Amino acid sequence: MAFAFALGDSGGAASTVPGTFFKLNFGDKLGIFATGRTETKRQADEKVGGVDCYVVVSVLDATKLKVPKNAAVDVKNLGTSTTTLWIGKNDHLIRKARTTTAGMSVAMKFTDESLKVQLERQKKPVTPENLAALRAEMENSMAQMKNSGFAFTETHENIVVNQKFSPADFAR
């Protein structure tokens, strides 16, 4: 649940590591590479925060996906998604991840129920005025994204693994 609440504020970036390593249904950047449905390439090595990294890129063209006929969204209108990972050469940790999209032309329909859930997550009252305002905001956002794209970049620094925790670390 904590991951779900963090996703909105982070644009989904907070799901990358948990999604990858806890086999969640969202955020799994490594899974994209493993599906075999993407074109994957290795690029020139780079440094992230002084750490030597391998750089790998995966390009997913939604027009090539096979989806059920009753899918909620026509994924063929989602354009192309490119995921780049910078993986530490010595520790194999994800040091940086970038996802970009291009060519999106999907127009989503926002139901009262889905808008109600969003208002509740924002701790706003579910009123006809708030539903109308959120619908207008979401439709405006979709219009701006249509046939354009976006990029999410996250960098992981000061990574500590196998750290010992005491019960006091979890006390309130």
C-alpha atoms as a PDB file:
ATOM      1  CA  MET A   1       0.000   0.000   0.000  1.00  0.00           C
ATOM      2  CA  ALA A   2       2.876   2.356   0.792  1.00  0.00           C
ATOM      3  CA  PHE A   3       4.261   1.815  -2.713  1.00  0.00           C
ATOM      4  CA  ALA A   4       0.901   2.686  -4.248  1.00  0.00           C
ATOM      5  CA  PHE A   5       0.651   5.986  -2.361  1.00  0.00           C
ATOM      6  CA  ALA A   6       4.207   6.949  -3.341  1.00  0.00           C
ATOM      7  CA  LEU A   7       3.604   6.325  -7.041  1.00  0.00           C
ATOM      8  CA  GLY A   8       1.445   9.386  -7.623  1.00  0.00           C
ATOM      9  CA  ASP A   9       3.978  11.764  -6.136  1.00  0.00           C
ATOM     10  CA  SER A  10       6.905  10.151  -7.939  1.00  0.00           C
ATOM     11  CA  GLY A  11       5.299   9.755 -11.354  1.00  0.00           C
ATOM     12  CA  GLY A  12       5.675   5.988 -10.930  1.00  0.00           C
ATOM     13  CA  ALA A  13       9.412   6.161 -10.276  1.00  0.00           C
ATOM     14  CA  ALA A  14       9.038   4.874  -6.710  1.00  0.00           C
ATOM     15  CA  SER A  15       7.934   1.508  -8.107  1.00  0.00           C
ATOM     16  CA  THR A  16      11.057   0.596 -10.081  1.00  0.00           C
ATOM     17  CA  VAL A  17      13.098  -1.216  -7.454  1.00  0.00           C
ATOM     18  CA  PRO A  18      10.193  -2.743  -5.487  1.00  0.00           C
ATOM     19  CA  GLY A  19       8.408  -3.687  -8.713  1.00  0.00           C
ATOM     20  CA  THR A  20      11.499  -5.426  -9.999  1.00  0.00           C
ATOM     21  CA  PHE A  21      12.546  -7.327  -6.924  1.00  0.00           C
ATOM     22  CA  PHE A  22       9.214  -8.111  -5.264  1.00  0.00           C
ATOM     23  CA  LYS A  23       7.447  -9.243  -8.461  1.00  0.00           C
ATOM     24  CA  LEU A  24       4.739  -6.601  -8.262  1.00  0.00           C
ATOM     25  CA  ASN A  25       2.366  -6.004 -11.173  1.00  0.00           C
ATOM     26  CA  PHE A  26       3.842  -2.561 -11.814  1.00  0.00           C
ATOM     27  CA  GLY A  27       7.209  -0.845 -12.110  1.00  0.00           C
ATOM     28  CA  ASP A  28       9.307  -3.866 -13.119  1.00  0.00           C
ATOM     29  CA  LYS A  29      11.978  -2.297 -15.352  1.00  0.00           C
ATOM     30  CA  LEU A  30      14.020  -5.516 -15.655  1.00  0.00           C
ATOM     31  CA  GLY A  31      10.940  -7.494 -16.651  1.00  0.00           C
ATOM     32  CA  ILE A  32      10.620  -5.393 -19.795  1.00  0.00           C
ATOM     33  CA  PHE A  33      14.019  -6.635 -20.897  1.00  0.00           C
ATOM     34  CA  ALA A  34      13.241 -10.256 -20.018  1.00  0.00           C
ATOM     35  CA  THR A  35       9.969 -10.548 -21.951  1.00  0.00           C
ATOM     36  CA  GLY A  36      11.626 -10.921 -25.338  1.00  0.00           C
ATOM     37  CA  ARG A  37       8.979  -8.551 -26.760  1.00  0.00           C
ATOM     38  CA  THR A  38      11.364  -5.621 -26.978  1.00  0.00           C
ATOM     39  CA  GLU A  39      14.386  -4.672 -28.992  1.00  0.00           C
ATOM     40  CA  THR A  40      17.291  -4.612 -26.521  1.00  0.00           C
ATOM     41  CA  LYS A  41      20.717  -3.065 -27.077  1.00  0.00           C
ATOM     42  CA  ARG A  42      23.814  -2.384 -25.038  1.00  0.00           C
ATOM     43  CA  GLN A  43      25.213   1.112 -25.247  1.00  0.00           C
ATOM     44  CA  ALA A  44      28.584   2.542 -24.273  1.00  0.00           C
ATOM     45  CA  ASP A  45      29.379   2.245 -20.572  1.00  0.00           C
ATOM     46  CA  GLU A  46      28.891   5.374 -18.443  1.00  0.00           C
ATOM     47  CA  LYS A  47      29.392   6.530 -14.887  1.00  0.00           C
ATOM     48  CA  VAL A  48      26.543   7.418 -12.533  1.00  0.00           C
ATOM     49  CA  GLY A  49      27.637   9.181  -9.384  1.00  0.00           C
ATOM     50  CA  GLY A  50      31.199   7.947  -9.894  1.00  0.00           C
ATOM     51  CA  VAL A  51      30.111   4.312 -10.342  1.00  0.00           C
ATOM     52  CA  ASP A  52      31.067   2.511 -13.575  1.00  0.00           C
ATOM     53  CA  CYS A  53      27.891   1.188 -15.179  1.00  0.00           C
ATOM     54  CA  TYR A  54      26.725  -0.953 -18.046  1.00  0.00           C
ATOM     55  CA  VAL A  55      24.055   0.837 -20.079  1.00  0.00           C
ATOM     56  CA  VAL A  56      21.267  -1.182 -21.680  1.00  0.00           C
ATOM     57  CA  VAL A  57      18.269   0.070 -23.650  1.00  0.00           C
ATOM     58  CA  SER A  58      14.970  -1.624 -24.399  1.00  0.00           C
ATOM     59  CA  VAL A  59      12.490  -0.279 -26.948  1.00  0.00           C
ATOM     60  CA  LEU A  60       8.872  -1.444 -26.795  1.00  0.00           C
ATOM     61  CA  ASP A  61       6.712  -0.617 -29.802  1.00  0.00           C
ATOM     62  CA  ALA A  62       3.111  -1.018 -28.642  1.00  0.00           C
ATOM     63  CA  THR A  63       1.876  -1.597 -32.199  1.00  0.00           C
ATOM     64  CA  LYS A  64       3.636  -4.984 -32.107  1.00  0.00           C
ATOM     65  CA  LEU A  65       1.938  -6.224 -28.932  1.00  0.00           C
ATOM     66  CA  LYS A  66      -0.736  -8.911 -28.904  1.00  0.00           C
ATOM     67  CA  VAL A  67      -3.529  -7.899 -26.557  1.00  0.00           C
ATOM     68  CA  PRO A  68      -6.992  -9.266 -25.783  1.00  0.00           C
ATOM     69  CA  LYS A  69      -9.811  -7.787 -27.835  1.00  0.00           C
ATOM     70  CA  ASN A  70     -11.600  -6.702 -24.645  1.00  0.00           C
ATOM     71  CA  ALA A  71      -8.654  -4.698 -23.246  1.00  0.00           C
ATOM     72  CA  ALA A  72      -9.633  -1.455 -21.484  1.00  0.00           C
ATOM     73  CA  VAL A  73      -7.155   0.625 -23.498  1.00  0.00           C
ATOM     74  CA  ASP A  74      -6.069   0.140 -27.092  1.00  0.00           C
ATOM     75  CA  VAL A  75      -2.346  -0.337 -26.439  1.00  0.00           C
ATOM     76  CA  LYS A  76      -1.562   0.163 -30.108  1.00  0.00           C
ATOM     77  CA  ASN A  77      -2.194   3.860 -29.406  1.00  0.00           C
ATOM     78  CA  LEU A  78       0.381   3.978 -26.606  1.00  0.00           C
ATOM     79  CA  GLY A  79       3.282   4.646 -28.984  1.00  0.00           C
ATOM     80  CA  THR A  80       6.850   3.627 -28.250  1.00  0.00           C
ATOM     81  CA  SER A  81       8.363   3.263 -24.796  1.00  0.00           C
ATOM     82  CA  THR A  82      12.145   3.289 -24.337  1.00  0.00           C
ATOM     83  CA  THR A  83      13.692   2.130 -21.067  1.00  0.00           C
ATOM     84  CA  THR A  84      17.370   2.752 -20.318  1.00  0.00           C
ATOM     85  CA  LEU A  85      19.095   1.201 -17.310  1.00  0.00           C
ATOM     86  CA  TRP A  86      22.491   2.010 -15.844  1.00  0.00           C
ATOM     87  CA  ILE A  87      23.635  -1.068 -13.906  1.00  0.00           C
ATOM     88  CA  GLY A  88      26.701  -0.974 -11.642  1.00  0.00           C
ATOM     89  CA  LYS A  89      29.523  -3.094 -13.074  1.00  0.00           C
ATOM     90  CA  ASN A  90      30.743  -4.300  -9.683  1.00  0.00           C
ATOM     91  CA  ASP A  91      27.523  -4.553  -7.662  1.00  0.00           C
ATOM     92  CA  HIS A  92      24.906  -5.052 -10.448  1.00  0.00           C
ATOM     93  CA  LEU A  93      22.566  -2.565  -8.765  1.00  0.00           C
ATOM     94  CA  ILE A  94      20.283  -0.312 -10.791  1.00  0.00           C
ATOM     95  CA  ARG A  95      21.966   3.074 -10.462  1.00  0.00           C
ATOM     96  CA  LYS A  96      19.745   4.969 -12.867  1.00  0.00           C
ATOM     97  CA  ALA A  97      16.607   4.301 -14.907  1.00  0.00           C
ATOM     98  CA  ARG A  98      14.951   6.413 -17.584  1.00  0.00           C
ATOM     99  CA  THR A  99      11.705   5.694 -19.373  1.00  0.00           C
ATOM    100  CA  THR A 100      10.558   7.838 -22.286  1.00  0.00           C
ATOM    101  CA  THR A 101       7.471   7.574 -24.449  1.00  0.00           C
ATOM    102  CA  ALA A 102       6.690   8.956 -27.873  1.00  0.00           C
ATOM    103  CA  GLY A 103       3.724   8.823 -30.228  1.00  0.00           C
ATOM    104  CA  MET A 104       0.962   8.314 -27.670  1.00  0.00           C
ATOM    105  CA  SER A 105      -2.470   8.964 -29.162  1.00  0.00           C
ATOM    106  CA  VAL A 106      -4.762   7.243 -26.691  1.00  0.00           C
ATOM    107  CA  ALA A 107      -7.773   9.044 -25.271  1.00  0.00           C
ATOM    108  CA  MET A 108      -8.895   7.558 -21.966  1.00  0.00           C
ATOM    109  CA  LYS A 109     -12.397   7.788 -20.600  1.00  0.00           C
ATOM    110  CA  PHE A 110     -12.624   8.737 -16.932  1.00  0.00           C
ATOM    111  CA  THR A 111     -15.541   7.169 -15.075  1.00  0.00           C
ATOM    112  CA  ASP A 112     -17.110   8.712 -11.996  1.00  0.00           C
ATOM    113  CA  GLU A 113     -15.873   5.683 -10.053  1.00  0.00           C
ATOM    114  CA  SER A 114     -12.225   6.111 -11.128  1.00  0.00           C
ATOM    115  CA  LEU A 115     -12.390   9.845 -10.394  1.00  0.00           C
ATOM    116  CA  LYS A 116     -13.946   9.132  -6.990  1.00  0.00           C
ATOM    117  CA  VAL A 117     -10.992   6.876  -6.122  1.00  0.00           C
ATOM    118  CA  GLN A 118      -8.561   9.642  -7.109  1.00  0.00           C
ATOM    119  CA  LEU A 119     -10.369  12.225  -4.989  1.00  0.00           C
ATOM    120  CA  GLU A 120     -10.387   9.869  -2.009  1.00  0.00           C
ATOM    121  CA  ARG A 121      -6.628   9.263  -2.400  1.00  0.00           C
ATOM    122  CA  GLN A 122      -6.143  13.032  -2.410  1.00  0.00           C
ATOM    123  CA  LYS A 123      -8.339  13.253   0.716  1.00  0.00           C
ATOM    124  CA  LYS A 124     -10.742  15.591  -1.079  1.00  0.00           C
ATOM    125  CA  PRO A 125     -14.525  15.401  -0.692  1.00  0.00           C
ATOM    126  CA  VAL A 126     -16.365  13.588  -3.464  1.00  0.00           C
ATOM    127  CA  THR A 127     -18.736  16.274  -4.680  1.00  0.00           C
ATOM    128  CA  PRO A 128     -20.165  16.918  -8.150  1.00  0.00           C
ATOM    129  CA  GLU A 129     -17.984  20.049  -8.359  1.00  0.00           C
ATOM    130  CA  ASN A 130     -14.787  18.160  -7.441  1.00  0.00           C
ATOM    131  CA  LEU A 131     -15.645  15.321  -9.853  1.00  0.00           C
ATOM    132  CA  ALA A 132     -16.167  17.833 -12.683  1.00  0.00           C
ATOM    133  CA  ALA A 133     -12.946  19.701 -11.865  1.00  0.00           C
ATOM    134  CA  LEU A 134     -10.878  16.503 -11.705  1.00  0.00           C
ATOM    135  CA  ARG A 135     -12.424  15.199 -14.950  1.00  0.00           C
ATOM    136  CA  ALA A 136     -11.522  18.473 -16.700  1.00  0.00           C
ATOM    137  CA  GLU A 137      -7.981  18.331 -15.268  1.00  0.00           C
ATOM    138  CA  MET A 138      -7.471  14.706 -16.364  1.00  0.00           C
ATOM    139  CA  GLU A 139      -8.895  15.335 -19.848  1.00  0.00           C
ATOM    140  CA  ASN A 140      -6.670  18.397 -20.214  1.00  0.00           C
ATOM    141  CA  SER A 141      -3.630  16.325 -19.197  1.00  0.00           C
ATOM    142  CA  MET A 142      -4.517  13.640 -21.740  1.00  0.00           C
ATOM    143  CA  ALA A 143      -4.957  16.271 -24.452  1.00  0.00           C
ATOM    144  CA  GLN A 144      -1.507  17.679 -23.695  1.00  0.00           C
ATOM    145  CA  MET A 145       0.090  14.212 -23.780  1.00  0.00           C
ATOM    146  CA  LYS A 146      -1.653  13.187 -26.996  1.00  0.00           C
ATOM    147  CA  ASN A 147       0.878  12.692 -29.772  1.00  0.00           C
ATOM    148  CA  SER A 148       3.686  13.860 -27.541  1.00  0.00           C
ATOM    149  CA  GLY A 149       5.629  12.075 -24.879  1.00  0.00           C
ATOM    150  CA  PHE A 150       7.176  12.233 -21.480  1.00  0.00           C
ATOM    151  CA  ALA A 151      10.312  11.111 -19.680  1.00  0.00           C
ATOM    152  CA  PHE A 152      10.865   9.814 -16.164  1.00  0.00           C
ATOM    153  CA  THR A 153      14.431   9.602 -14.877  1.00  0.00           C
ATOM    154  CA  GLU A 154      15.366   8.283 -11.470  1.00  0.00           C
ATOM    155  CA  THR A 155      18.829   8.056  -9.956  1.00  0.00           C
ATOM    156  CA  HIS A 156      19.696   5.811  -7.011  1.00  0.00           C
ATOM    157  CA  GLU A 157      22.568   7.072  -4.861  1.00  0.00           C
ATOM    158  CA  ASN A 158      24.106   6.149  -1.518  1.00  0.00           C
ATOM    159  CA  ILE A 159      22.767   2.607  -1.804  1.00  0.00           C
ATOM    160  CA  VAL A 160      23.274   0.471   1.288  1.00  0.00           C
ATOM    161  CA  VAL A 161      22.672  -3.282   1.162  1.00  0.00           C
ATOM    162  CA  ASN A 162      22.371  -5.824   3.969  1.00  0.00           C
ATOM    163  CA  GLN A 163      22.201  -3.078   6.575  1.00  0.00           C
ATOM    164  CA  LYS A 164      21.424  -4.294  10.101  1.00  0.00           C
ATOM    165  CA  PHE A 165      18.346  -2.734  11.668  1.00  0.00           C
ATOM    166  CA  SER A 166      17.440  -2.670  15.348  1.00  0.00           C
ATOM    167  CA  PRO A 167      13.892  -2.711  16.723  1.00  0.00           C
ATOM    168  CA  ALA A 168      14.393   0.973  17.612  1.00  0.00           C
ATOM    169  CA  ASP A 169      14.650   1.760  13.871  1.00  0.00           C
ATOM    170  CA  PHE A 170      10.975   0.801  13.551  1.00  0.00           C
ATOM    171  CA  ALA A 171       9.664   2.483  16.702  1.00  0.00           C
ATOM    172  CA  ARG A 172       7.308   5.411  16.334  1.00  0.00           C
END
